[in-house]
PDB file of N, CA and C in Angstrom:
ATOM      1  N   LEU A   1       2.305 -46.905  20.359  1.00  0.00           N
ATOM      2  CA  LEU A   1       2.467 -48.326  20.097  1.00  0.00           C
ATOM      3  C   LEU A   1       3.771 -48.601  19.343  1.00  0.00           C
ATOM      4  N   SER A   2       4.066 -47.787  18.333  1.00  0.00           N
ATOM      5  CA  SER A   2       5.279 -48.043  17.547  1.00  0.00           C
ATOM      6  C   SER A   2       6.542 -47.891  18.390  1.00  0.00           C
ATOM      7  N   LEU A   3       6.542 -46.961  19.350  1.00  0.00           N
ATOM      8  CA  LEU A   3       7.707 -46.823  20.232  1.00  0.00           C
ATOM      9  C   LEU A   3       7.925 -48.081  21.055  1.00  0.00           C
ATOM     10  N   MET A   4       6.855 -48.684  21.519  1.00  0.00           N
ATOM     11  CA  MET A   4       6.970 -49.925  22.284  1.00  0.00           C
ATOM     12  C   MET A   4       7.474 -51.061  21.392  1.00  0.00           C
ATOM     13  N   GLN A   5       7.026 -51.099  20.152  1.00  0.00           N
ATOM     14  CA  GLN A   5       7.476 -52.145  19.237  1.00  0.00           C
ATOM     15  C   GLN A   5       8.974 -52.009  18.958  1.00  0.00           C
ATOM     16  N   MET A   6       9.457 -50.774  18.811  1.00  0.00           N
ATOM     17  CA  MET A   6      10.891 -50.571  18.588  1.00  0.00           C
ATOM     18  C   MET A   6      11.692 -51.078  19.772  1.00  0.00           C
ATOM     19  N   ALA A   7      11.217 -50.821  20.978  1.00  0.00           N
ATOM     20  CA  ALA A   7      11.907 -51.305  22.175  1.00  0.00           C
ATOM     21  C   ALA A   7      11.904 -52.830  22.208  1.00  0.00           C
ATOM     22  N   LYS A   8      10.790 -53.435  21.860  1.00  0.00           N
ATOM     23  CA  LYS A   8      10.703 -54.901  21.847  1.00  0.00           C
ATOM     24  C   LYS A   8      11.636 -55.498  20.794  1.00  0.00           C
ATOM     25  N   ILE A   9      11.664 -54.886  19.622  1.00  0.00           N
ATOM     26  CA  ILE A   9      12.542 -55.377  18.557  1.00  0.00           C
ATOM     27  C   ILE A   9      14.005 -55.234  18.970  1.00  0.00           C
ATOM     28  N   SER A  10      14.372 -54.096  19.539  1.00  0.00           N
ATOM     29  CA  SER A  10      15.752 -53.876  19.973  1.00  0.00           C
ATOM     30  C   SER A  10      16.143 -54.865  21.061  1.00  0.00           C
ATOM     31  N   SER A  11      15.237 -55.133  21.978  1.00  0.00           N
ATOM     32  CA  SER A  11      15.497 -56.095  23.049  1.00  0.00           C
ATOM     33  C   SER A  11      15.658 -57.506  22.483  1.00  0.00           C
ATOM     34  N   ALA A  12      14.774 -57.884  21.577  1.00  0.00           N
ATOM     35  CA  ALA A  12      14.869 -59.207  20.955  1.00  0.00           C
ATOM     36  C   ALA A  12      16.169 -59.337  20.164  1.00  0.00           C
ATOM     37  N   LEU A  13      16.556 -58.283  19.482  1.00  0.00           N
ATOM     38  CA  LEU A  13      17.798 -58.289  18.718  1.00  0.00           C
ATOM     39  C   LEU A  13      19.003 -58.428  19.645  1.00  0.00           C
ATOM     40  N   TYR A  14      18.987 -57.727  20.753  1.00  0.00           N
ATOM     41  CA  TYR A  14      20.067 -57.831  21.740  1.00  0.00           C
ATOM     42  C   TYR A  14      20.196 -59.277  22.220  1.00  0.00           C
ATOM     43  N   ASN A  15      19.072 -59.891  22.580  1.00  0.00           N
ATOM     44  CA  ASN A  15      19.093 -61.282  23.042  1.00  0.00           C
ATOM     45  C   ASN A  15      19.570 -62.221  21.937  1.00  0.00           C
ATOM     46  N   TYR A  16      19.144 -61.973  20.725  1.00  0.00           N
ATOM     47  CA  TYR A  16      19.557 -62.763  19.561  1.00  0.00           C
ATOM     48  C   TYR A  16      21.073 -62.736  19.420  1.00  0.00           C
ATOM     49  N   GLN A  17      21.648 -61.550  19.525  1.00  0.00           N
ATOM     50  CA  GLN A  17      23.094 -61.414  19.367  1.00  0.00           C
ATOM     51  C   GLN A  17      23.849 -61.970  20.568  1.00  0.00           C
ATOM     52  N   LEU A  18      23.337 -61.748  21.762  1.00  0.00           N
ATOM     53  CA  LEU A  18      24.028 -62.150  22.983  1.00  0.00           C
ATOM     54  C   LEU A  18      23.932 -63.651  23.224  1.00  0.00           C
ATOM     55  N   ASP A  19      22.731 -64.185  23.206  1.00  0.00           N
ATOM     56  CA  ASP A  19      22.513 -65.584  23.556  1.00  0.00           C
ATOM     57  C   ASP A  19      22.947 -66.550  22.463  1.00  0.00           C
ATOM     58  N   LYS A  20      22.639 -66.233  21.254  1.00  0.00           N
ATOM     59  CA  LYS A  20      22.908 -67.156  20.152  1.00  0.00           C
ATOM     60  C   LYS A  20      24.257 -66.894  19.492  1.00  0.00           C
ATOM     61  N   LYS A  21      24.886 -65.786  19.848  1.00  0.00           N
ATOM     62  CA  LYS A  21      26.161 -65.392  19.245  1.00  0.00           C
ATOM     63  C   LYS A  21      26.048 -65.334  17.718  1.00  0.00           C
ATOM     64  N   LEU A  22      24.911 -64.819  17.264  1.00  0.00           N
ATOM     65  CA  LEU A  22      24.660 -64.736  15.836  1.00  0.00           C
ATOM     66  C   LEU A  22      24.969 -63.343  15.297  1.00  0.00           C
ATOM     67  N   PHE A  23      25.149 -63.290  14.015  1.00  0.00           N
ATOM     68  CA  PHE A  23      25.573 -62.099  13.296  1.00  0.00           C
ATOM     69  C   PHE A  23      24.351 -61.335  12.791  1.00  0.00           C
ATOM     70  N   TYR A  24      24.355 -60.018  12.944  1.00  0.00           N
ATOM     71  CA  TYR A  24      23.232 -59.197  12.482  1.00  0.00           C
ATOM     72  C   TYR A  24      23.754 -58.133  11.527  1.00  0.00           C
ATOM     73  N   VAL A  25      23.225 -58.124  10.310  1.00  0.00           N
ATOM     74  CA  VAL A  25      23.588 -57.126   9.305  1.00  0.00           C
ATOM     75  C   VAL A  25      22.410 -56.173   9.137  1.00  0.00           C
ATOM     76  N   ALA A  26      22.652 -54.889   9.353  1.00  0.00           N
ATOM     77  CA  ALA A  26      21.617 -53.865   9.154  1.00  0.00           C
ATOM     78  C   ALA A  26      21.861 -53.200   7.802  1.00  0.00           C
ATOM     79  N   ILE A  27      20.793 -53.045   7.033  1.00  0.00           N
ATOM     80  CA  ILE A  27      20.888 -52.393   5.728  1.00  0.00           C
ATOM     81  C   ILE A  27      20.034 -51.133   5.761  1.00  0.00           C
ATOM     82  N   LEU A  28      20.689 -49.980   5.614  1.00  0.00           N
ATOM     83  CA  LEU A  28      20.008 -48.691   5.683  1.00  0.00           C
ATOM     84  C   LEU A  28      19.670 -48.226   4.271  1.00  0.00           C
ATOM     85  N   THR A  29      18.384 -48.097   4.002  1.00  0.00           N
ATOM     86  CA  THR A  29      17.921 -47.653   2.693  1.00  0.00           C
ATOM     87  C   THR A  29      17.503 -46.191   2.782  1.00  0.00           C
ATOM     88  N   ASP A  30      17.135 -45.636   1.656  1.00  0.00           N
ATOM     89  CA  ASP A  30      16.746 -44.223   1.610  1.00  0.00           C
ATOM     90  C   ASP A  30      15.235 -44.081   1.677  1.00  0.00           C
ATOM     91  N   PRO A  31      14.715 -43.411   2.657  1.00  0.00           N
ATOM     92  CA  PRO A  31      15.358 -42.809   3.826  1.00  0.00           C
ATOM     93  C   PRO A  31      15.320 -43.752   5.031  1.00  0.00           C
ATOM     94  N   THR A  32      16.278 -43.604   5.917  1.00  0.00           N
ATOM     95  CA  THR A  32      16.258 -44.264   7.220  1.00  0.00           C
ATOM     96  C   THR A  32      16.264 -43.134   8.242  1.00  0.00           C
ATOM     97  N   THR A  33      15.149 -42.954   8.911  1.00  0.00           N
ATOM     98  CA  THR A  33      15.007 -41.810   9.819  1.00  0.00           C
ATOM     99  C   THR A  33      14.253 -42.197  11.081  1.00  0.00           C
ATOM    100  N   GLY A  34      14.198 -41.248  11.990  1.00  0.00           N
ATOM    101  CA  GLY A  34      13.390 -41.382  13.197  1.00  0.00           C
ATOM    102  C   GLY A  34      13.869 -42.468  14.130  1.00  0.00           C
ATOM    103  N   GLY A  35      12.903 -43.128  14.733  1.00  0.00           N
ATOM    104  CA  GLY A  35      13.191 -44.141  15.737  1.00  0.00           C
ATOM    105  C   GLY A  35      13.962 -45.329  15.207  1.00  0.00           C
ATOM    106  N   VAL A  36      13.809 -45.627  13.921  1.00  0.00           N
ATOM    107  CA  VAL A  36      14.569 -46.737  13.337  1.00  0.00           C
ATOM    108  C   VAL A  36      16.060 -46.441  13.443  1.00  0.00           C
ATOM    109  N   THR A  37      16.445 -45.220  13.125  1.00  0.00           N
ATOM    110  CA  THR A  37      17.846 -44.819  13.244  1.00  0.00           C
ATOM    111  C   THR A  37      18.305 -44.877  14.694  1.00  0.00           C
ATOM    112  N   ALA A  38      17.433 -44.503  15.603  1.00  0.00           N
ATOM    113  CA  ALA A  38      17.787 -44.469  17.020  1.00  0.00           C
ATOM    114  C   ALA A  38      17.786 -45.850  17.659  1.00  0.00           C
ATOM    115  N   SER A  39      17.291 -46.849  16.962  1.00  0.00           N
ATOM    116  CA  SER A  39      17.213 -48.166  17.588  1.00  0.00           C
ATOM    117  C   SER A  39      17.909 -49.223  16.733  1.00  0.00           C
ATOM    118  N   PHE A  40      17.153 -50.138  16.162  1.00  0.00           N
ATOM    119  CA  PHE A  40      17.753 -51.338  15.586  1.00  0.00           C
ATOM    120  C   PHE A  40      18.580 -51.121  14.329  1.00  0.00           C
ATOM    121  N   ALA A  41      18.461 -50.009  13.644  1.00  0.00           N
ATOM    122  CA  ALA A  41      19.280 -49.777  12.445  1.00  0.00           C
ATOM    123  C   ALA A  41      20.760 -49.667  12.787  1.00  0.00           C
ATOM    124  N   MET A  42      21.074 -49.180  13.962  1.00  0.00           N
ATOM    125  CA  MET A  42      22.471 -48.965  14.341  1.00  0.00           C
ATOM    126  C   MET A  42      23.033 -50.067  15.238  1.00  0.00           C
ATOM    127  N   LEU A  43      22.307 -51.152  15.400  1.00  0.00           N
ATOM    128  CA  LEU A  43      22.750 -52.229  16.280  1.00  0.00           C
ATOM    129  C   LEU A  43      23.453 -53.359  15.540  1.00  0.00           C
ATOM    130  N   GLY A  44      23.588 -53.250  14.239  1.00  0.00           N
ATOM    131  CA  GLY A  44      24.173 -54.332  13.457  1.00  0.00           C
ATOM    132  C   GLY A  44      25.650 -54.536  13.720  1.00  0.00           C
ATOM    133  N   ASP A  45      26.083 -55.784  13.547  1.00  0.00           N
ATOM    134  CA  ASP A  45      27.516 -56.076  13.588  1.00  0.00           C
ATOM    135  C   ASP A  45      28.181 -55.445  12.372  1.00  0.00           C
ATOM    136  N   ILE A  46      27.463 -55.456  11.273  1.00  0.00           N
ATOM    137  CA  ILE A  46      27.864 -54.735  10.064  1.00  0.00           C
ATOM    138  C   ILE A  46      26.670 -53.883   9.655  1.00  0.00           C
ATOM    139  N   ILE A  47      26.932 -52.623   9.353  1.00  0.00           N
ATOM    140  CA  ILE A  47      25.875 -51.708   8.924  1.00  0.00           C
ATOM    141  C   ILE A  47      26.212 -51.255   7.508  1.00  0.00           C
ATOM    142  N   ILE A  48      25.311 -51.561   6.583  1.00  0.00           N
ATOM    143  CA  ILE A  48      25.490 -51.237   5.168  1.00  0.00           C
ATOM    144  C   ILE A  48      24.487 -50.145   4.798  1.00  0.00           C
ATOM    145  N   ALA A  49      24.917 -49.208   3.972  1.00  0.00           N
ATOM    146  CA  ALA A  49      24.011 -48.137   3.541  1.00  0.00           C
ATOM    147  C   ALA A  49      23.977 -48.047   2.023  1.00  0.00           C
ATOM    148  N   GLU A  50      22.846 -47.573   1.513  1.00  0.00           N
ATOM    149  CA  GLU A  50      22.713 -47.292   0.084  1.00  0.00           C
ATOM    150  C   GLU A  50      23.421 -45.982  -0.243  1.00  0.00           C
ATOM    151  N   PRO A  51      23.893 -45.833  -1.477  1.00  0.00           N
ATOM    152  CA  PRO A  51      24.460 -44.547  -1.882  1.00  0.00           C
ATOM    153  C   PRO A  51      23.402 -43.444  -1.842  1.00  0.00           C
ATOM    154  N   ASN A  52      23.822 -42.272  -1.458  1.00  0.00           N
ATOM    155  CA  ASN A  52      22.971 -41.072  -1.426  1.00  0.00           C
ATOM    156  C   ASN A  52      21.730 -41.211  -0.545  1.00  0.00           C
ATOM    157  N   ALA A  53      21.770 -42.112   0.409  1.00  0.00           N
ATOM    158  CA  ALA A  53      20.621 -42.304   1.303  1.00  0.00           C
ATOM    159  C   ALA A  53      20.579 -41.200   2.352  1.00  0.00           C
ATOM    160  N   THR A  54      19.380 -40.779   2.688  1.00  0.00           N
ATOM    161  CA  THR A  54      19.184 -39.870   3.813  1.00  0.00           C
ATOM    162  C   THR A  54      19.101 -40.723   5.066  1.00  0.00           C
ATOM    163  N   ILE A  55      20.007 -40.462   6.017  1.00  0.00           N
ATOM    164  CA  ILE A  55      20.046 -41.216   7.265  1.00  0.00           C
ATOM    165  C   ILE A  55      20.121 -40.197   8.391  1.00  0.00           C
ATOM    166  N   ALA A  56      19.076 -40.166   9.204  1.00  0.00           N
ATOM    167  CA  ALA A  56      19.001 -39.142  10.249  1.00  0.00           C
ATOM    168  C   ALA A  56      17.974 -39.529  11.298  1.00  0.00           C
ATOM    169  N   PHE A  57      18.126 -38.977  12.486  1.00  0.00           N
ATOM    170  CA  PHE A  57      17.085 -39.162  13.494  1.00  0.00           C
ATOM    171  C   PHE A  57      15.937 -38.198  13.230  1.00  0.00           C
ATOM    172  N   ALA A  58      16.292 -36.951  12.965  1.00  0.00           N
ATOM    173  CA  ALA A  58      15.281 -35.921  12.683  1.00  0.00           C
ATOM    174  C   ALA A  58      15.638 -35.237  11.370  1.00  0.00           C
ATOM    175  N   GLY A  59      14.636 -34.726  10.705  1.00  0.00           N
ATOM    176  CA  GLY A  59      14.849 -34.033   9.445  1.00  0.00           C
ATOM    177  C   GLY A  59      15.559 -32.706   9.622  1.00  0.00           C
ATOM    178  N   LYS A  60      16.127 -32.240   8.532  1.00  0.00           N
ATOM    179  CA  LYS A  60      16.889 -30.990   8.542  1.00  0.00           C
ATOM    180  C   LYS A  60      16.059 -29.826   9.083  1.00  0.00           C
ATOM    181  N   ARG A  61      14.834 -29.671   8.595  1.00  0.00           N
ATOM    182  CA  ARG A  61      13.981 -28.561   9.029  1.00  0.00           C
ATOM    183  C   ARG A  61      13.675 -28.640  10.525  1.00  0.00           C
ATOM    184  N   VAL A  62      13.399 -29.824  11.015  1.00  0.00           N
ATOM    185  CA  VAL A  62      13.093 -29.999  12.441  1.00  0.00           C
ATOM    186  C   VAL A  62      14.297 -29.610  13.292  1.00  0.00           C
ATOM    187  N   ILE A  63      15.471 -30.052  12.896  1.00  0.00           N
ATOM    188  CA  ILE A  63      16.689 -29.717  13.644  1.00  0.00           C
ATOM    189  C   ILE A  63      16.920 -28.210  13.635  1.00  0.00           C
ATOM    190  N   GLU A  64      16.797 -27.603  12.461  1.00  0.00           N
ATOM    191  CA  GLU A  64      17.045 -26.161  12.354  1.00  0.00           C
ATOM    192  C   GLU A  64      16.060 -25.353  13.187  1.00  0.00           C
ATOM    193  N   GLN A  65      14.797 -25.749  13.191  1.00  0.00           N
ATOM    194  CA  GLN A  65      13.801 -25.015  13.974  1.00  0.00           C
ATOM    195  C   GLN A  65      13.959 -25.260  15.472  1.00  0.00           C
ATOM    196  N   THR A  66      14.331 -26.465  15.845  1.00  0.00           N
ATOM    197  CA  THR A  66      14.471 -26.797  17.263  1.00  0.00           C
ATOM    198  C   THR A  66      15.719 -26.169  17.871  1.00  0.00           C
ATOM    199  N   LEU A  67      16.836 -26.261  17.162  1.00  0.00           N
ATOM    200  CA  LEU A  67      18.110 -25.776  17.697  1.00  0.00           C
ATOM    201  C   LEU A  67      18.465 -24.369  17.242  1.00  0.00           C
ATOM    202  N   ASN A  68      17.645 -23.817  16.356  1.00  0.00           N
ATOM    203  CA  ASN A  68      17.896 -22.481  15.820  1.00  0.00           C
ATOM    204  C   ASN A  68      19.310 -22.371  15.247  1.00  0.00           C
ATOM    205  N   THR A  69      19.648 -23.354  14.429  1.00  0.00           N
ATOM    206  CA  THR A  69      20.956 -23.399  13.798  1.00  0.00           C
ATOM    207  C   THR A  69      20.802 -23.954  12.386  1.00  0.00           C
ATOM    208  N   THR A  70      21.825 -23.835  11.589  1.00  0.00           N
ATOM    209  CA  THR A  70      21.795 -24.344  10.223  1.00  0.00           C
ATOM    210  C   THR A  70      22.450 -25.718  10.172  1.00  0.00           C
ATOM    211  N   VAL A  71      21.765 -26.659   9.546  1.00  0.00           N
ATOM    212  CA  VAL A  71      22.326 -27.995   9.345  1.00  0.00           C
ATOM    213  C   VAL A  71      23.120 -27.963   8.040  1.00  0.00           C
ATOM    214  N   PRO A  72      24.401 -28.347   8.084  1.00  0.00           N
ATOM    215  CA  PRO A  72      25.211 -28.315   6.862  1.00  0.00           C
ATOM    216  C   PRO A  72      24.613 -29.189   5.758  1.00  0.00           C
ATOM    217  N   GLU A  73      24.650 -28.687   4.546  1.00  0.00           N
ATOM    218  CA  GLU A  73      24.131 -29.427   3.398  1.00  0.00           C
ATOM    219  C   GLU A  73      24.877 -30.751   3.258  1.00  0.00           C
ATOM    220  N   GLY A  74      24.139 -31.817   3.078  1.00  0.00           N
ATOM    221  CA  GLY A  74      24.741 -33.135   2.879  1.00  0.00           C
ATOM    222  C   GLY A  74      25.140 -33.862   4.144  1.00  0.00           C
ATOM    223  N   SER A  75      24.922 -33.262   5.299  1.00  0.00           N
ATOM    224  CA  SER A  75      25.368 -33.884   6.551  1.00  0.00           C
ATOM    225  C   SER A  75      24.504 -35.062   6.984  1.00  0.00           C
ATOM    226  N   GLN A  76      23.396 -35.279   6.294  1.00  0.00           N
ATOM    227  CA  GLN A  76      22.538 -36.415   6.619  1.00  0.00           C
ATOM    228  C   GLN A  76      22.541 -37.445   5.490  1.00  0.00           C
ATOM    229  N   THR A  77      23.621 -37.474   4.726  1.00  0.00           N
ATOM    230  CA  THR A  77      23.731 -38.437   3.629  1.00  0.00           C
ATOM    231  C   THR A  77      24.626 -39.600   4.037  1.00  0.00           C
ATOM    232  N   SER A  78      24.429 -40.719   3.378  1.00  0.00           N
ATOM    233  CA  SER A  78      25.223 -41.905   3.700  1.00  0.00           C
ATOM    234  C   SER A  78      26.717 -41.659   3.479  1.00  0.00           C
ATOM    235  N   GLU A  79      27.074 -40.916   2.452  1.00  0.00           N
ATOM    236  CA  GLU A  79      28.495 -40.663   2.179  1.00  0.00           C
ATOM    237  C   GLU A  79      29.151 -39.865   3.306  1.00  0.00           C
ATOM    238  N   TYR A  80      28.489 -38.827   3.761  1.00  0.00           N
ATOM    239  CA  TYR A  80      29.019 -38.004   4.850  1.00  0.00           C
ATOM    240  C   TYR A  80      29.165 -38.838   6.122  1.00  0.00           C
ATOM    241  N   LEU A  81      28.138 -39.597   6.449  1.00  0.00           N
ATOM    242  CA  LEU A  81      28.159 -40.395   7.672  1.00  0.00           C
ATOM    243  C   LEU A  81      29.170 -41.537   7.584  1.00  0.00           C
ATOM    244  N   PHE A  82      29.381 -42.068   6.383  1.00  0.00           N
ATOM    245  CA  PHE A  82      30.409 -43.082   6.177  1.00  0.00           C
ATOM    246  C   PHE A  82      31.789 -42.501   6.484  1.00  0.00           C
ATOM    247  N   GLU A  83      32.041 -41.296   5.995  1.00  0.00           N
ATOM    248  CA  GLU A  83      33.322 -40.626   6.263  1.00  0.00           C
ATOM    249  C   GLU A  83      33.550 -40.425   7.754  1.00  0.00           C
ATOM    250  N   LYS A  84      32.473 -40.262   8.511  1.00  0.00           N
ATOM    251  CA  LYS A  84      32.568 -40.069   9.958  1.00  0.00           C
ATOM    252  C   LYS A  84      32.639 -41.393  10.718  1.00  0.00           C
ATOM    253  N   GLY A  85      32.577 -42.515   9.998  1.00  0.00           N
ATOM    254  CA  GLY A  85      32.710 -43.824  10.626  1.00  0.00           C
ATOM    255  C   GLY A  85      31.431 -44.401  11.208  1.00  0.00           C
ATOM    256  N   LEU A  86      30.282 -43.889  10.787  1.00  0.00           N
ATOM    257  CA  LEU A  86      29.019 -44.352  11.366  1.00  0.00           C
ATOM    258  C   LEU A  86      28.674 -45.775  10.958  1.00  0.00           C
ATOM    259  N   PHE A  87      29.044 -46.177   9.763  1.00  0.00           N
ATOM    260  CA  PHE A  87      28.761 -47.534   9.328  1.00  0.00           C
ATOM    261  C   PHE A  87      29.848 -48.033   8.392  1.00  0.00           C
ATOM    262  N   ASP A  88      29.652 -49.244   7.889  1.00  0.00           N
ATOM    263  CA  ASP A  88      30.687 -49.928   7.132  1.00  0.00           C
ATOM    264  C   ASP A  88      30.622 -49.571   5.644  1.00  0.00           C
ATOM    265  N   PRO A  89      30.286 -50.474   4.733  1.00  0.00           N
ATOM    266  CA  PRO A  89      30.333 -50.075   3.320  1.00  0.00           C
ATOM    267  C   PRO A  89      29.075 -49.366   2.837  1.00  0.00           C
ATOM    268  N   ILE A  90      29.236 -48.665   1.731  1.00  0.00           N
ATOM    269  CA  ILE A  90      28.100 -48.132   0.976  1.00  0.00           C
ATOM    270  C   ILE A  90      27.990 -49.023  -0.258  1.00  0.00           C
ATOM    271  N   VAL A  91      26.817 -49.633  -0.424  1.00  0.00           N
ATOM    272  CA  VAL A  91      26.630 -50.599  -1.504  1.00  0.00           C
ATOM    273  C   VAL A  91      25.356 -50.260  -2.267  1.00  0.00           C
ATOM    274  N   PRO A  92      25.430 -50.147  -3.601  1.00  0.00           N
ATOM    275  CA  PRO A  92      24.212 -49.887  -4.370  1.00  0.00           C
ATOM    276  C   PRO A  92      23.225 -51.042  -4.237  1.00  0.00           C
ATOM    277  N   ARG A  93      21.964 -50.708  -4.276  1.00  0.00           N
ATOM    278  CA  ARG A  93      20.920 -51.731  -4.155  1.00  0.00           C
ATOM    279  C   ARG A  93      20.997 -52.732  -5.305  1.00  0.00           C
ATOM    280  N   ASN A  94      21.243 -52.248  -6.505  1.00  0.00           N
ATOM    281  CA  ASN A  94      21.353 -53.109  -7.690  1.00  0.00           C
ATOM    282  C   ASN A  94      22.699 -52.882  -8.358  1.00  0.00           C
ATOM    283  N   PRO A  95      23.745 -53.545  -7.847  1.00  0.00           N
ATOM    284  CA  PRO A  95      25.088 -53.296  -8.405  1.00  0.00           C
ATOM    285  C   PRO A  95      25.227 -53.756  -9.842  1.00  0.00           C
TER     286      PRO A  95
END
């Protein structure tokens, strides 16, 4: 059921942005993982993340066991992903 809801939300968001020409800001908090990362979290016109947030599709252990490889330490943090251009600013929740 939740997978279907994510598809519906992503579709509604697409129509919202396309038809209404409206602006969508996604805010990634700690943690942002799984299907949320794979769907509407990354569809924003501006994507904001919290400092030191874990942002990933799958957890480190799952990736390591599935791919039989080591995930670099810190590679699923907002700072690392910001450096790679994944989203826009990093903003503290309570500045």
